[in-house]
């Protein structure tokens, strides 16, 4: 699916909360990625009504030095009863800057919102 370009906009509250939660984990490059949040903007949607988005970090910023393009955090998402419904993936541009926020779901229906951080876990309504 080709991303739908949009006029660049700041992260919304849900996007920022999910990114802050994932980037609160300690891994090589985490502090640099956290420092990029105030300079991060959404530049594309992954499809109509998609909550997955492409990101761009405005320079100047402190670059991370991750070994892979995927942030090394397991961010599983469960519904309120505790059923696994997917995971959040954070992608980087060559391991240096935030590049995408993806909600990879395993349910029949595409999620209409990002999960909330509830008691330190990512949770979606049932």
Protein backbone atom coordinates (compact mmCIF):
# COMPACT_ATOMS: atom_id res chain seq x y z
CA UNK A 1 0.00 0.00 0.00
CA UNK A 2 1.36 3.40 -0.95
CA UNK A 3 1.37 5.92 1.90
CA UNK A 4 -0.97 8.90 1.55
CA UNK A 5 1.07 12.09 1.81
CA UNK A 6 -0.39 14.78 4.03
CA UNK A 7 0.65 18.28 4.97
CA UNK A 8 3.21 17.73 7.73
CA UNK A 9 1.67 18.03 11.18
CA UNK A 10 2.89 17.60 14.75
CA UNK A 11 2.39 14.30 16.53
CA UNK A 12 -1.08 14.08 18.05
CA UNK A 13 -1.49 13.20 21.74
CA UNK A 14 -2.05 9.46 21.08
CA UNK A 15 0.95 9.14 18.76
CA UNK A 16 3.19 10.95 21.21
CA UNK A 17 1.98 8.87 24.20
CA UNK A 18 2.65 5.58 22.39
CA UNK A 19 6.09 6.73 21.20
CA UNK A 20 6.99 8.01 24.69
CA UNK A 21 5.94 4.67 26.18
CA UNK A 22 8.00 2.60 23.74
CA UNK A 23 11.01 4.90 23.87
CA UNK A 24 10.98 4.81 27.69
CA UNK A 25 12.65 1.39 27.39
CA UNK A 26 16.42 1.40 27.73
CA UNK A 27 18.31 0.37 24.59
CA UNK A 28 21.21 1.80 22.63
CA UNK A 29 19.96 4.98 20.96
CA UNK A 30 16.81 5.36 23.09
CA UNK A 31 17.79 8.70 24.60
CA UNK A 32 18.57 10.15 21.16
CA UNK A 33 15.23 8.97 19.77
CA UNK A 34 13.42 10.42 22.81
CA UNK A 35 15.16 13.74 22.20
CA UNK A 36 13.71 13.79 18.66
CA UNK A 37 10.04 13.75 19.73
CA UNK A 38 9.63 17.53 19.84
CA UNK A 39 11.00 17.76 16.29
CA UNK A 40 8.98 14.85 14.87
CA UNK A 41 6.09 15.39 12.47
CA UNK A 42 3.67 13.10 10.65
CA UNK A 43 4.12 13.26 6.87
CA UNK A 44 1.93 10.39 5.59
CA UNK A 45 -0.82 7.93 6.54
CA UNK A 46 -0.44 4.27 5.60
CA UNK A 47 -3.94 4.29 4.15
CA UNK A 48 -7.37 5.84 4.58
CA UNK A 49 -8.34 5.73 8.27
CA UNK A 50 -4.99 4.08 9.16
CA UNK A 51 -3.41 4.86 12.52
CA UNK A 52 0.01 3.84 11.13
CA UNK A 53 1.99 6.85 9.95
CA UNK A 54 5.26 7.90 8.37
CA UNK A 55 7.36 10.32 10.39
CA UNK A 56 10.06 12.87 9.71
CA UNK A 57 12.37 14.49 12.23
CA UNK A 58 13.27 18.09 11.51
CA UNK A 59 16.97 18.91 11.73
CA UNK A 60 18.94 19.73 13.70
CA UNK A 61 18.55 16.71 15.94
CA UNK A 62 20.70 14.23 17.77
CA UNK A 63 20.94 11.05 15.68
CA UNK A 64 20.72 7.59 17.21
CA UNK A 65 23.05 4.76 16.25
CA UNK A 66 20.77 1.70 16.20
CA UNK A 67 22.07 -1.44 14.52
CA UNK A 68 18.70 -2.03 12.82
CA UNK A 69 15.90 0.09 11.37
CA UNK A 70 13.39 -1.34 13.86
CA UNK A 71 13.41 -0.09 17.46
CA UNK A 72 14.27 -3.15 19.61
CA UNK A 73 11.24 -3.05 21.93
CA UNK A 74 8.46 -5.65 22.18
CA UNK A 75 5.33 -3.48 22.33
CA UNK A 76 2.49 -6.00 22.38
CA UNK A 77 -1.06 -4.66 22.45
CA UNK A 78 -3.87 -6.40 24.36
CA UNK A 79 -7.55 -5.58 24.65
CA UNK A 80 -9.09 -4.99 28.08
CA UNK A 81 -9.82 -8.71 28.70
CA UNK A 82 -6.13 -9.40 27.93
CA UNK A 83 -6.36 -10.87 24.41
CA UNK A 84 -3.39 -10.14 22.16
CA UNK A 85 -4.55 -7.88 19.30
CA UNK A 86 -1.25 -6.82 17.74
CA UNK A 87 1.90 -4.85 18.35
CA UNK A 88 3.34 -1.42 17.83
CA UNK A 89 6.47 -1.16 15.70
CA UNK A 90 8.65 1.94 15.58
CA UNK A 91 10.78 2.25 12.47
CA UNK A 92 13.83 4.44 11.98
CA UNK A 93 15.62 5.92 9.01
CA UNK A 94 18.88 3.92 8.90
CA UNK A 95 18.79 3.63 12.70
CA UNK A 96 19.26 7.38 13.11
CA UNK A 97 15.87 9.14 13.23
CA UNK A 98 12.24 8.21 13.80
CA UNK A 99 10.64 7.20 10.47
CA UNK A 100 7.32 5.41 11.12
CA UNK A 101 4.84 4.31 13.77
CA UNK A 102 3.01 1.11 12.83
CA UNK A 103 0.10 -0.66 14.52
CA UNK A 104 0.46 -4.23 13.22
CA UNK A 105 -2.87 -5.82 14.13
CA UNK A 106 -3.90 -9.48 14.11
CA UNK A 107 -7.65 -8.93 14.37
CA UNK A 108 -10.22 -9.05 11.57
CA UNK A 109 -10.83 -5.30 11.73
CA UNK A 110 -8.23 -2.58 11.27
CA UNK A 111 -7.87 -0.59 14.48
CA UNK A 112 -9.42 2.87 14.41
CA UNK A 113 -7.20 4.28 17.15
CA UNK A 114 -3.82 3.71 18.71
CA UNK A 115 -3.76 1.86 22.00
CA UNK A 116 -3.69 3.70 25.29
CA UNK A 117 -0.99 3.21 27.89
CA UNK A 118 -2.81 1.61 30.84
CA UNK A 119 -0.84 0.47 33.88
CA UNK A 120 2.37 0.44 31.85
CA UNK A 121 0.88 -1.68 29.04
CA UNK A 122 -0.54 -0.87 25.63
CA UNK A 123 -4.27 -1.57 25.74
CA UNK A 124 -7.19 -1.23 23.29
CA UNK A 125 -10.87 -1.32 24.14
CA UNK A 126 -12.52 -4.69 23.44
